[in-house]
Amino acid sequence: MAITADYAMQDMRSVDFHYEKNNTEHRTAGISTKRLIVRRGQPFHITVQFNRNKYDPDVDRFKLIAQTGPNPSETLGTKILFSPSDSINKRRWSAVAVTSSNTKLSLNVHSAPNAKIGR
């Protein structure tokens, strides 16, 4: 998964995918804890760190990008763009802000139960 923003990219410092925690919860830690491997239709947690002051949902607009394969395509369903919202939708990719403090934003992300799989 990648992350992008509608505002200047330099405002975003990093994304923590919590590989070990998420992969353990998704029973994929035996495969790897050095990259995110999650199961379809199950939530996972990420933290976005910004280069500036506190995250403001009314100002800070960004989209998450879930993609797989060598040539991700929205048409083929191997690239999905979505924005955080107020609630999780278990039928599609969705995300909701859990906490924000100083320069960090924690998100719960829910993958679609019919998400394309790949490397």
N, C-alpha and C. Protein backbone atom coordinates (compact mmCIF):
# COMPACT_ATOMS: atom_id res chain seq x y z
N MET A 1 0.84 -1.16 0.00
CA MET A 1 0.00 0.00 0.00
C MET A 1 0.89 1.22 0.00
N ALA A 2 0.48 2.22 -0.73
CA ALA A 2 1.20 3.49 -0.77
C ALA A 2 0.25 4.57 -0.28
N ILE A 3 0.78 5.71 0.02
CA ILE A 3 -0.06 6.82 0.46
C ILE A 3 0.35 8.07 -0.30
N THR A 4 -0.62 8.88 -0.65
CA THR A 4 -0.35 10.12 -1.35
C THR A 4 -1.25 11.20 -0.76
N ALA A 5 -1.03 12.42 -1.12
CA ALA A 5 -1.81 13.51 -0.55
C ALA A 5 -2.17 14.53 -1.60
N ASP A 6 -3.31 15.22 -1.38
CA ASP A 6 -3.73 16.29 -2.27
C ASP A 6 -2.92 17.56 -2.02
N TYR A 7 -2.35 17.69 -0.83
CA TYR A 7 -1.51 18.83 -0.54
C TYR A 7 -0.05 18.43 -0.76
N ALA A 8 0.88 19.32 -0.46
CA ALA A 8 2.30 19.07 -0.75
C ALA A 8 2.81 17.81 -0.07
N MET A 9 3.43 16.93 -0.85
CA MET A 9 3.96 15.67 -0.32
C MET A 9 5.03 15.89 0.74
N GLN A 10 5.73 17.02 0.70
CA GLN A 10 6.77 17.24 1.69
C GLN A 10 6.18 17.40 3.09
N ASP A 11 4.86 17.57 3.21
CA ASP A 11 4.22 17.66 4.53
C ASP A 11 4.14 16.30 5.20
N MET A 12 4.32 15.23 4.46
CA MET A 12 4.25 13.89 5.02
C MET A 12 5.67 13.33 5.18
N ARG A 13 5.99 12.93 6.39
CA ARG A 13 7.34 12.43 6.67
C ARG A 13 7.46 10.94 6.42
N SER A 14 6.52 10.15 6.96
CA SER A 14 6.63 8.70 6.83
C SER A 14 5.30 8.02 7.11
N VAL A 15 5.26 6.74 6.78
CA VAL A 15 4.11 5.89 7.11
C VAL A 15 4.65 4.65 7.79
N ASP A 16 4.13 4.36 8.98
CA ASP A 16 4.49 3.15 9.70
C ASP A 16 3.39 2.12 9.46
N PHE A 17 3.74 1.03 8.81
CA PHE A 17 2.77 -0.01 8.50
C PHE A 17 2.66 -1.05 9.61
N HIS A 18 3.39 -0.89 10.69
CA HIS A 18 3.34 -1.80 11.84
C HIS A 18 3.38 -3.26 11.36
N TYR A 19 4.40 -3.56 10.55
CA TYR A 19 4.52 -4.88 9.92
C TYR A 19 4.36 -6.03 10.90
N GLU A 20 5.13 -6.01 11.96
CA GLU A 20 5.12 -7.14 12.88
C GLU A 20 3.76 -7.32 13.54
N LYS A 21 3.18 -6.23 14.05
CA LYS A 21 1.87 -6.30 14.72
C LYS A 21 0.77 -6.73 13.75
N ASN A 22 0.69 -6.06 12.60
CA ASN A 22 -0.35 -6.39 11.63
C ASN A 22 -0.20 -7.80 11.09
N ASN A 23 1.02 -8.18 10.74
CA ASN A 23 1.22 -9.52 10.19
C ASN A 23 0.93 -10.59 11.23
N THR A 24 1.25 -10.33 12.49
CA THR A 24 0.92 -11.29 13.55
C THR A 24 -0.60 -11.43 13.67
N GLU A 25 -1.30 -10.30 13.68
CA GLU A 25 -2.77 -10.33 13.79
C GLU A 25 -3.43 -10.99 12.57
N HIS A 26 -2.78 -10.93 11.43
CA HIS A 26 -3.32 -11.53 10.21
C HIS A 26 -2.75 -12.93 9.94
N ARG A 27 -1.99 -13.43 10.90
CA ARG A 27 -1.39 -14.77 10.81
C ARG A 27 -0.52 -14.92 9.55
N THR A 28 0.23 -13.85 9.25
CA THR A 28 1.15 -13.89 8.11
C THR A 28 2.59 -13.60 8.54
N ALA A 29 2.83 -13.48 9.84
CA ALA A 29 4.18 -13.16 10.34
C ALA A 29 5.18 -14.26 9.98
N GLY A 30 4.71 -15.48 9.81
CA GLY A 30 5.59 -16.57 9.40
C GLY A 30 6.12 -16.39 7.99
N ILE A 31 5.43 -15.61 7.19
CA ILE A 31 5.86 -15.31 5.83
C ILE A 31 6.90 -14.19 5.85
N SER A 32 6.58 -13.10 6.58
CA SER A 32 7.51 -11.97 6.68
C SER A 32 6.99 -10.99 7.72
N THR A 33 7.91 -10.28 8.35
CA THR A 33 7.56 -9.14 9.19
C THR A 33 8.31 -7.90 8.70
N LYS A 34 8.81 -7.97 7.47
CA LYS A 34 9.55 -6.85 6.89
C LYS A 34 8.73 -6.13 5.81
N ARG A 35 7.53 -6.63 5.55
CA ARG A 35 6.60 -5.97 4.63
C ARG A 35 5.19 -6.31 5.08
N LEU A 36 4.24 -5.51 4.68
CA LEU A 36 2.86 -5.70 5.09
C LEU A 36 2.20 -6.81 4.28
N ILE A 37 1.71 -7.82 4.98
CA ILE A 37 0.97 -8.91 4.35
C ILE A 37 -0.29 -9.10 5.18
N VAL A 38 -1.42 -8.69 4.63
CA VAL A 38 -2.69 -8.76 5.36
C VAL A 38 -3.70 -9.60 4.59
N ARG A 39 -4.68 -10.05 5.31
CA ARG A 39 -5.73 -10.88 4.71
C ARG A 39 -6.90 -10.01 4.27
N ARG A 40 -7.55 -10.44 3.20
CA ARG A 40 -8.70 -9.70 2.68
C ARG A 40 -9.81 -9.64 3.71
N GLY A 41 -10.51 -8.50 3.72
CA GLY A 41 -11.68 -8.34 4.57
C GLY A 41 -11.38 -8.17 6.04
N GLN A 42 -10.13 -7.89 6.40
CA GLN A 42 -9.77 -7.73 7.80
C GLN A 42 -9.07 -6.38 8.01
N PRO A 43 -9.30 -5.75 9.16
CA PRO A 43 -8.70 -4.45 9.42
C PRO A 43 -7.22 -4.56 9.80
N PHE A 44 -6.49 -3.47 9.56
CA PHE A 44 -5.11 -3.36 10.02
C PHE A 44 -4.85 -1.89 10.36
N HIS A 45 -3.71 -1.62 10.97
CA HIS A 45 -3.42 -0.31 11.53
C HIS A 45 -2.18 0.29 10.85
N ILE A 46 -2.23 1.59 10.53
CA ILE A 46 -1.06 2.32 10.04
C ILE A 46 -0.99 3.66 10.76
N THR A 47 0.21 4.24 10.79
CA THR A 47 0.40 5.57 11.38
C THR A 47 1.12 6.44 10.37
N VAL A 48 0.55 7.61 10.09
CA VAL A 48 1.14 8.58 9.17
C VAL A 48 1.77 9.68 10.01
N GLN A 49 3.02 10.04 9.69
CA GLN A 49 3.69 11.11 10.40
C GLN A 49 3.90 12.27 9.45
N PHE A 50 3.50 13.46 9.89
CA PHE A 50 3.62 14.67 9.09
C PHE A 50 4.82 15.49 9.54
N ASN A 51 5.30 16.36 8.67
CA ASN A 51 6.44 17.23 8.96
C ASN A 51 6.05 18.52 9.67
N ARG A 52 4.80 18.69 9.94
CA ARG A 52 4.34 19.95 10.53
C ARG A 52 3.40 19.68 11.69
N ASN A 53 2.70 20.71 12.12
CA ASN A 53 1.85 20.59 13.30
C ASN A 53 0.71 19.61 13.13
N LYS A 54 -0.09 19.50 14.14
CA LYS A 54 -1.16 18.51 14.27
C LYS A 54 -2.02 18.35 13.02
N TYR A 55 -2.37 17.12 12.75
CA TYR A 55 -3.27 16.76 11.66
C TYR A 55 -4.62 17.42 11.87
N ASP A 56 -5.16 18.05 10.84
CA ASP A 56 -6.46 18.70 10.87
C ASP A 56 -7.31 18.10 9.75
N PRO A 57 -8.32 17.29 10.10
CA PRO A 57 -9.11 16.61 9.06
C PRO A 57 -9.85 17.56 8.14
N ASP A 58 -10.08 18.80 8.57
CA ASP A 58 -10.76 19.77 7.71
C ASP A 58 -9.82 20.39 6.69
N VAL A 59 -8.51 20.29 6.93
CA VAL A 59 -7.51 20.89 6.03
C VAL A 59 -6.70 19.82 5.31
N ASP A 60 -6.30 18.80 6.05
CA ASP A 60 -5.39 17.77 5.53
C ASP A 60 -6.15 16.68 4.79
N ARG A 61 -6.25 16.85 3.50
CA ARG A 61 -6.94 15.88 2.65
C ARG A 61 -5.91 14.99 1.96
N PHE A 62 -6.08 13.69 2.05
CA PHE A 62 -5.18 12.78 1.36
C PHE A 62 -5.92 11.51 1.01
N LYS A 63 -5.34 10.75 0.11
CA LYS A 63 -5.92 9.47 -0.30
C LYS A 63 -4.92 8.37 -0.01
N LEU A 64 -5.43 7.23 0.35
CA LEU A 64 -4.63 6.02 0.48
C LEU A 64 -4.72 5.29 -0.85
N ILE A 65 -3.65 4.62 -1.20
CA ILE A 65 -3.64 3.83 -2.43
C ILE A 65 -3.27 2.40 -2.06
N ALA A 66 -4.16 1.47 -2.33
CA ALA A 66 -3.89 0.05 -2.16
C ALA A 66 -3.64 -0.51 -3.55
N GLN A 67 -2.47 -1.10 -3.74
CA GLN A 67 -2.15 -1.61 -5.08
C GLN A 67 -1.34 -2.89 -4.98
N THR A 68 -1.43 -3.67 -6.02
CA THR A 68 -0.69 -4.93 -6.09
C THR A 68 -0.28 -5.20 -7.53
N GLY A 69 0.77 -5.98 -7.69
CA GLY A 69 1.22 -6.38 -9.01
C GLY A 69 2.19 -5.40 -9.64
N PRO A 70 2.80 -5.82 -10.76
CA PRO A 70 3.82 -5.00 -11.43
C PRO A 70 3.24 -3.77 -12.15
N ASN A 71 1.98 -3.83 -12.57
CA ASN A 71 1.33 -2.72 -13.27
C ASN A 71 -0.06 -2.47 -12.69
N PRO A 72 -0.12 -1.89 -11.49
CA PRO A 72 -1.43 -1.67 -10.85
C PRO A 72 -2.36 -0.85 -11.73
N SER A 73 -3.64 -1.24 -11.73
CA SER A 73 -4.62 -0.60 -12.60
C SER A 73 -5.95 -0.47 -11.87
N GLU A 74 -6.51 0.74 -11.89
CA GLU A 74 -7.84 0.93 -11.32
C GLU A 74 -8.87 0.12 -12.11
N THR A 75 -8.72 0.08 -13.40
CA THR A 75 -9.65 -0.66 -14.26
C THR A 75 -9.69 -2.14 -13.91
N LEU A 76 -8.52 -2.72 -13.62
CA LEU A 76 -8.45 -4.14 -13.30
C LEU A 76 -8.66 -4.43 -11.81
N GLY A 77 -8.81 -3.37 -11.02
CA GLY A 77 -9.03 -3.55 -9.59
C GLY A 77 -7.78 -3.86 -8.79
N THR A 78 -6.61 -3.63 -9.39
CA THR A 78 -5.35 -3.87 -8.68
C THR A 78 -4.77 -2.57 -8.12
N LYS A 79 -5.51 -1.48 -8.27
CA LYS A 79 -5.14 -0.19 -7.68
C LYS A 79 -6.42 0.50 -7.23
N ILE A 80 -6.51 0.77 -5.92
CA ILE A 80 -7.70 1.36 -5.34
C ILE A 80 -7.30 2.63 -4.61
N LEU A 81 -7.98 3.74 -4.87
CA LEU A 81 -7.76 4.99 -4.16
C LEU A 81 -8.96 5.26 -3.26
N PHE A 82 -8.69 5.64 -2.01
CA PHE A 82 -9.77 5.94 -1.08
C PHE A 82 -9.29 6.90 -0.01
N SER A 83 -10.21 7.67 0.52
CA SER A 83 -9.89 8.64 1.57
C SER A 83 -10.42 8.15 2.91
N PRO A 84 -9.79 8.56 3.99
CA PRO A 84 -10.35 8.23 5.31
C PRO A 84 -11.75 8.83 5.42
N SER A 85 -12.62 8.15 6.14
CA SER A 85 -13.99 8.63 6.33
C SER A 85 -14.35 8.52 7.80
N ASP A 86 -15.62 8.73 8.11
CA ASP A 86 -16.08 8.70 9.50
C ASP A 86 -16.30 7.29 10.02
N SER A 87 -16.44 6.32 9.12
CA SER A 87 -16.71 4.95 9.57
C SER A 87 -16.13 3.94 8.58
N ILE A 88 -15.94 2.75 9.06
CA ILE A 88 -15.43 1.65 8.24
C ILE A 88 -16.57 1.06 7.43
N ASN A 89 -16.31 0.79 6.16
CA ASN A 89 -17.25 0.08 5.30
C ASN A 89 -16.62 -1.29 5.01
N LYS A 90 -17.18 -2.35 5.55
CA LYS A 90 -16.58 -3.68 5.43
C LYS A 90 -16.74 -4.30 4.05
N ARG A 91 -17.44 -3.64 3.14
CA ARG A 91 -17.64 -4.17 1.79
C ARG A 91 -16.60 -3.67 0.79
N ARG A 92 -15.81 -2.67 1.18
CA ARG A 92 -14.82 -2.10 0.27
C ARG A 92 -13.64 -1.59 1.09
N TRP A 93 -12.58 -1.15 0.41
CA TRP A 93 -11.45 -0.54 1.12
C TRP A 93 -11.95 0.72 1.82
N SER A 94 -11.61 0.87 3.09
CA SER A 94 -11.99 2.07 3.83
C SER A 94 -11.01 2.29 4.97
N ALA A 95 -11.02 3.48 5.50
CA ALA A 95 -10.13 3.83 6.60
C ALA A 95 -10.81 4.86 7.49
N VAL A 96 -10.46 4.83 8.76
CA VAL A 96 -10.99 5.78 9.72
C VAL A 96 -9.86 6.21 10.65
N ALA A 97 -9.83 7.50 10.97
CA ALA A 97 -8.83 8.01 11.91
C ALA A 97 -9.18 7.52 13.31
N VAL A 98 -8.16 7.00 14.00
CA VAL A 98 -8.36 6.50 15.36
C VAL A 98 -7.87 7.54 16.37
N THR A 99 -6.66 8.01 16.18
CA THR A 99 -6.10 9.04 17.05
C THR A 99 -5.21 9.96 16.23
N SER A 100 -5.06 11.17 16.74
CA SER A 100 -4.09 12.09 16.16
C SER A 100 -3.49 12.88 17.30
N SER A 101 -2.17 13.07 17.22
CA SER A 101 -1.48 13.84 18.24
C SER A 101 -0.22 14.43 17.63
N ASN A 102 0.00 15.69 17.90
CA ASN A 102 1.15 16.39 17.36
C ASN A 102 1.25 16.19 15.85
N THR A 103 2.20 15.42 15.40
CA THR A 103 2.40 15.25 13.95
C THR A 103 2.00 13.88 13.45
N LYS A 104 1.30 13.08 14.27
CA LYS A 104 0.95 11.71 13.88
C LYS A 104 -0.55 11.51 13.76
N LEU A 105 -0.91 10.66 12.81
CA LEU A 105 -2.30 10.26 12.60
C LEU A 105 -2.34 8.75 12.52
N SER A 106 -3.11 8.12 13.40
CA SER A 106 -3.27 6.67 13.37
C SER A 106 -4.57 6.33 12.68
N LEU A 107 -4.50 5.36 11.76
CA LEU A 107 -5.67 4.96 10.98
C LEU A 107 -5.93 3.47 11.12
N ASN A 108 -7.18 3.09 11.20
CA ASN A 108 -7.58 1.71 11.01
C ASN A 108 -8.02 1.61 9.56
N VAL A 109 -7.45 0.66 8.86
CA VAL A 109 -7.76 0.44 7.44
C VAL A 109 -8.42 -0.92 7.31
N HIS A 110 -9.48 -0.98 6.53
CA HIS A 110 -10.17 -2.26 6.31
C HIS A 110 -10.07 -2.59 4.83
N SER A 111 -9.51 -3.76 4.54
CA SER A 111 -9.39 -4.18 3.14
C SER A 111 -10.70 -4.79 2.66
N ALA A 112 -10.93 -4.67 1.37
CA ALA A 112 -12.15 -5.24 0.78
C ALA A 112 -12.10 -6.76 0.86
N PRO A 113 -13.23 -7.40 1.12
CA PRO A 113 -13.24 -8.86 1.18
C PRO A 113 -12.97 -9.52 -0.17
N ASN A 114 -13.14 -8.76 -1.26
CA ASN A 114 -12.89 -9.29 -2.60
C ASN A 114 -11.68 -8.64 -3.25
N ALA A 115 -10.77 -8.10 -2.42
CA ALA A 115 -9.57 -7.43 -2.93
C ALA A 115 -8.73 -8.38 -3.76
N LYS A 116 -8.15 -7.82 -4.81
CA LYS A 116 -7.21 -8.61 -5.63
C LYS A 116 -6.00 -8.93 -4.77
N ILE A 117 -5.40 -10.08 -4.99
CA ILE A 117 -4.22 -10.45 -4.23
C ILE A 117 -3.02 -10.53 -5.15
N GLY A 118 -1.85 -10.44 -4.60
CA GLY A 118 -0.65 -10.51 -5.41
C GLY A 118 0.56 -10.07 -4.63
N ARG A 119 1.61 -9.77 -5.35
CA ARG A 119 2.87 -9.33 -4.72
C ARG A 119 3.18 -7.92 -5.11
